[in-house]
């Protein structure tokens, strides 16, 4: 076997080795640590993980990228399993309000909270949302995140906004190194128009929105 990438002399190599299911409880403390580890990759496939030097059956040549891992920690790609990746606007200014002791309802009354995000997402174009979400993904990737779950949910009854969010996520999944898994969160909240008849909204969600999402294969969940 010929390696296209080798990371050697890794100070802390995290492998999560030895389980066939998700770890829980105290098991999460066992990270499968290898000191002074080495990894060999061929294309997009890991072909060797171990300690010390590569075995003789792993070949390298002048085209092999070799990275020195001294003083570094190498881990499997991180998974962010709960994000609202695609959205318009920003609520960072609300942090100072929270630090002043203002509650969520006060922030909502001041024009903040979820309603400000809903308005900004509805007003944003596909390109606006794409550029903003791509910037977030770039930052996440720089910290080692390789898979992201991305929800819709800021249409709150406006199905076209929900579709726009999911379509942006799907396009980013095609274009970006990070893998995106889409969730249709059409039931994020009861829309104002349906506050007196939520059952009607649930019927619309079940009989119109979800079938269209499923037919177009826009979301996994």
Protein backbone atom coordinates (compact mmCIF):
# COMPACT_ATOMS: atom_id res chain seq x y z
CA UNK A 1 0.00 0.00 0.00
CA UNK A 2 1.19 3.50 -0.85
CA UNK A 3 0.32 6.43 1.41
CA UNK A 4 -0.66 9.79 -0.06
CA UNK A 5 -0.61 11.44 3.39
CA UNK A 6 1.30 10.59 6.56
CA UNK A 7 1.00 12.36 9.91
CA UNK A 8 3.89 11.19 12.10
CA UNK A 9 5.28 11.79 15.60
CA UNK A 10 1.79 12.77 16.84
CA UNK A 11 1.95 13.75 20.50
CA UNK A 12 -1.64 12.66 21.23
CA UNK A 13 -3.52 10.55 18.70
CA UNK A 14 -7.18 10.07 19.59
CA UNK A 15 -8.67 6.93 18.01
CA UNK A 16 -11.92 6.21 19.95
CA UNK A 17 -10.92 2.57 19.43
CA UNK A 18 -12.71 -0.51 20.71
CA UNK A 19 -16.46 0.17 20.59
CA UNK A 20 -19.10 -0.87 18.05
CA UNK A 21 -21.63 1.60 19.36
CA UNK A 22 -21.78 5.16 20.64
CA UNK A 23 -20.00 5.53 23.97
CA UNK A 24 -22.02 6.57 26.99
CA UNK A 25 -21.36 7.42 30.61
CA UNK A 26 -17.91 6.59 31.96
CA UNK A 27 -17.00 4.94 28.64
CA UNK A 28 -16.66 8.40 27.13
CA UNK A 29 -13.50 8.87 29.16
CA UNK A 30 -11.73 6.17 27.13
CA UNK A 31 -10.59 8.03 24.02
CA UNK A 32 -8.27 5.36 22.66
CA UNK A 33 -5.18 7.51 23.17
CA UNK A 34 -1.93 6.64 21.37
CA UNK A 35 1.20 8.56 22.36
CA UNK A 36 3.72 9.28 19.58
CA UNK A 37 1.25 8.01 17.02
CA UNK A 38 1.31 7.81 13.25
CA UNK A 39 -1.47 7.81 10.63
CA UNK A 40 -1.22 6.84 6.97
CA UNK A 41 -3.90 7.80 4.45
CA UNK A 42 -4.41 6.64 0.88
CA UNK A 43 -6.74 9.00 -0.98
CA UNK A 44 -9.70 9.40 1.37
CA UNK A 45 -9.12 6.16 3.31
CA UNK A 46 -7.10 5.68 6.50
CA UNK A 47 -4.87 2.64 5.91
CA UNK A 48 -2.85 2.58 9.12
CA UNK A 49 -3.05 3.89 12.67
CA UNK A 50 -0.42 2.99 15.22
CA UNK A 51 2.50 3.98 17.42
CA UNK A 52 6.02 4.82 16.37
CA UNK A 53 6.99 4.24 12.74
CA UNK A 54 5.01 2.97 9.75
CA UNK A 55 5.17 -0.78 9.06
CA UNK A 56 7.15 -1.95 6.01
CA UNK A 57 4.03 -2.66 3.94
CA UNK A 58 3.09 1.07 3.90
CA UNK A 59 5.12 2.77 1.18
CA UNK A 60 5.86 6.48 0.76
CA UNK A 61 7.44 8.38 -2.14
CA UNK A 62 8.20 11.93 -3.25
CA UNK A 63 4.47 12.58 -3.78
CA UNK A 64 3.49 11.60 -0.23
CA UNK A 65 2.55 14.57 1.95
CA UNK A 66 4.26 14.12 5.34
CA UNK A 67 3.15 16.23 8.30
CA UNK A 68 5.08 16.49 11.55
CA UNK A 69 2.67 16.00 14.46
CA UNK A 70 5.13 16.79 17.24
CA UNK A 71 3.39 18.64 20.07
CA UNK A 72 0.02 18.22 18.35
CA UNK A 73 -3.22 16.40 19.08
CA UNK A 74 -4.98 14.62 16.21
CA UNK A 75 -8.61 13.54 16.60
CA UNK A 76 -11.34 12.12 14.38
CA UNK A 77 -13.47 14.81 12.74
CA UNK A 78 -15.89 16.47 15.15
CA UNK A 79 -19.66 16.24 14.57
CA UNK A 80 -21.95 19.16 15.41
CA UNK A 81 -25.29 17.43 15.74
CA UNK A 82 -27.51 20.46 16.44
CA UNK A 83 -27.14 23.66 14.41
CA UNK A 84 -29.26 26.40 12.89
CA UNK A 85 -26.58 26.92 10.26
CA UNK A 86 -28.59 28.75 7.59
CA UNK A 87 -30.18 31.96 8.81
CA UNK A 88 -30.23 35.70 8.22
CA UNK A 89 -29.23 38.45 10.62
CA UNK A 90 -27.36 38.20 13.90
CA UNK A 91 -28.39 38.24 17.55
CA UNK A 92 -24.94 38.82 19.03
CA UNK A 93 -26.09 42.18 20.42
CA UNK A 94 -28.49 40.28 22.70
CA UNK A 95 -25.55 39.02 24.77
CA UNK A 96 -25.05 42.45 26.34
CA UNK A 97 -28.79 42.59 27.12
CA UNK A 98 -28.58 39.19 28.81
CA UNK A 99 -25.55 40.30 30.79
CA UNK A 100 -27.60 43.26 32.00
CA UNK A 101 -30.14 40.78 33.36
CA UNK A 102 -32.85 41.20 30.74
CA UNK A 103 -35.06 38.15 30.27
CA UNK A 104 -36.02 36.54 26.96
CA UNK A 105 -39.45 38.20 26.87
CA UNK A 106 -37.86 41.62 27.40
CA UNK A 107 -35.44 40.94 24.54
CA UNK A 108 -38.37 39.77 22.42
CA UNK A 109 -40.31 42.97 23.19
CA UNK A 110 -37.27 45.00 22.14
CA UNK A 111 -37.38 43.41 18.69
CA UNK A 112 -34.89 40.63 19.38
CA UNK A 113 -35.29 36.92 19.94
CA UNK A 114 -36.42 34.42 17.37
CA UNK A 115 -38.68 36.89 15.55
CA UNK A 116 -35.73 39.04 14.46
CA UNK A 117 -34.05 35.95 12.96
CA UNK A 118 -37.28 34.93 11.22
CA UNK A 119 -37.61 38.36 9.60
CA UNK A 120 -33.97 38.48 8.55
CA UNK A 121 -34.08 34.97 7.09
CA UNK A 122 -37.25 35.70 5.10
CA UNK A 123 -35.69 38.93 3.73
CA UNK A 124 -32.36 37.31 2.79
CA UNK A 125 -31.73 36.01 -0.72
CA UNK A 126 -30.44 32.50 -1.44
CA UNK A 127 -27.01 34.02 -2.12
CA UNK A 128 -27.06 36.02 1.13
CA UNK A 129 -27.80 32.90 3.15
CA UNK A 130 -25.25 30.83 1.22
CA UNK A 131 -22.41 33.31 1.81
CA UNK A 132 -23.23 33.69 5.52
CA UNK A 133 -23.54 29.95 6.15
CA UNK A 134 -20.37 29.19 4.16
CA UNK A 135 -18.43 31.58 6.37
CA UNK A 136 -19.71 29.72 9.44
CA UNK A 137 -18.76 26.37 7.92
CA UNK A 138 -15.26 27.63 7.11
CA UNK A 139 -14.76 28.60 10.76
CA UNK A 140 -16.19 25.30 12.00
CA UNK A 141 -13.88 23.34 9.69
CA UNK A 142 -10.89 25.28 11.01
CA UNK A 143 -11.74 23.91 14.48
CA UNK A 144 -11.99 20.32 13.25
CA UNK A 145 -15.72 19.99 12.58
CA UNK A 146 -16.27 17.72 9.56
CA UNK A 147 -20.00 16.91 9.81
CA UNK A 148 -22.88 19.26 10.64
CA UNK A 149 -26.61 18.79 11.11
CA UNK A 150 -28.38 21.84 9.63
CA UNK A 151 -31.98 22.71 10.48
CA UNK A 152 -34.51 24.87 8.75
CA UNK A 153 -37.06 26.33 11.15
CA UNK A 154 -36.95 30.09 10.63
CA UNK A 155 -39.90 30.20 8.26
CA UNK A 156 -42.40 29.71 11.10
CA UNK A 157 -45.25 28.96 8.71
CA UNK A 158 -43.62 30.48 5.61
CA UNK A 159 -42.87 27.31 3.69
CA UNK A 160 -40.88 29.10 0.98
CA UNK A 161 -38.41 30.35 3.59
CA UNK A 162 -38.10 26.81 4.97
CA UNK A 163 -37.39 25.52 1.46
CA UNK A 164 -34.84 28.27 0.89
CA UNK A 165 -32.95 27.33 4.05
CA UNK A 166 -32.83 23.63 3.15
CA UNK A 167 -31.85 24.30 -0.46
CA UNK A 168 -28.93 26.45 0.74
CA UNK A 169 -27.82 23.64 3.07
CA UNK A 170 -28.01 21.11 0.23
CA UNK A 171 -25.96 23.34 -2.09
CA UNK A 172 -23.33 23.80 0.62
CA UNK A 173 -23.22 20.04 1.09
CA UNK A 174 -22.29 19.76 -2.60
CA UNK A 175 -19.73 22.60 -2.52
CA UNK A 176 -18.08 22.45 0.91
CA UNK A 177 -15.66 19.93 2.47
CA UNK A 178 -17.88 19.71 5.58
CA UNK A 179 -20.69 17.11 5.25
CA UNK A 180 -24.15 18.56 5.91
CA UNK A 181 -27.17 16.56 7.07
CA UNK A 182 -30.42 18.50 6.64
CA UNK A 183 -33.38 18.55 9.02
CA UNK A 184 -36.77 20.04 8.10
CA UNK A 185 -37.86 21.81 11.29
CA UNK A 186 -41.22 23.04 10.08
CA UNK A 187 -42.72 22.65 13.56
CA UNK A 188 -40.23 24.99 15.23
CA UNK A 189 -43.12 27.08 16.58
CA UNK A 190 -46.82 27.72 15.95
CA UNK A 191 -47.12 30.63 13.47
CA UNK A 192 -49.00 33.71 14.66
CA UNK A 193 -51.66 33.16 11.97
CA UNK A 194 -52.46 29.77 13.48
CA UNK A 195 -52.22 30.60 17.19
CA UNK A 196 -55.98 30.11 17.63
CA UNK A 197 -56.06 26.96 15.53
CA UNK A 198 -52.74 25.09 15.84
CA UNK A 199 -54.35 21.85 14.65
CA UNK A 200 -54.84 23.40 11.21
CA UNK A 201 -51.13 24.21 11.01
CA UNK A 202 -50.19 20.68 12.08
CA UNK A 203 -52.48 19.30 9.34
CA UNK A 204 -50.80 21.54 6.76
CA UNK A 205 -47.40 20.46 8.02
CA UNK A 206 -48.24 16.76 7.75
CA UNK A 207 -50.24 16.78 4.54
CA UNK A 208 -48.48 19.47 2.47
CA UNK A 209 -45.03 20.45 3.73
CA UNK A 210 -43.49 17.13 4.79
CA UNK A 211 -44.63 15.28 1.63
CA UNK A 212 -43.03 17.94 -0.60
CA UNK A 213 -39.76 17.84 1.37
CA UNK A 214 -39.77 14.04 1.11
CA UNK A 215 -40.64 13.98 -2.60
CA UNK A 216 -37.78 16.37 -3.42
CA UNK A 217 -35.42 14.48 -1.06
CA UNK A 218 -34.36 17.78 0.51
CA UNK A 219 -33.90 16.58 4.09
CA UNK A 220 -32.88 13.38 5.86
CA UNK A 221 -34.89 14.15 8.97
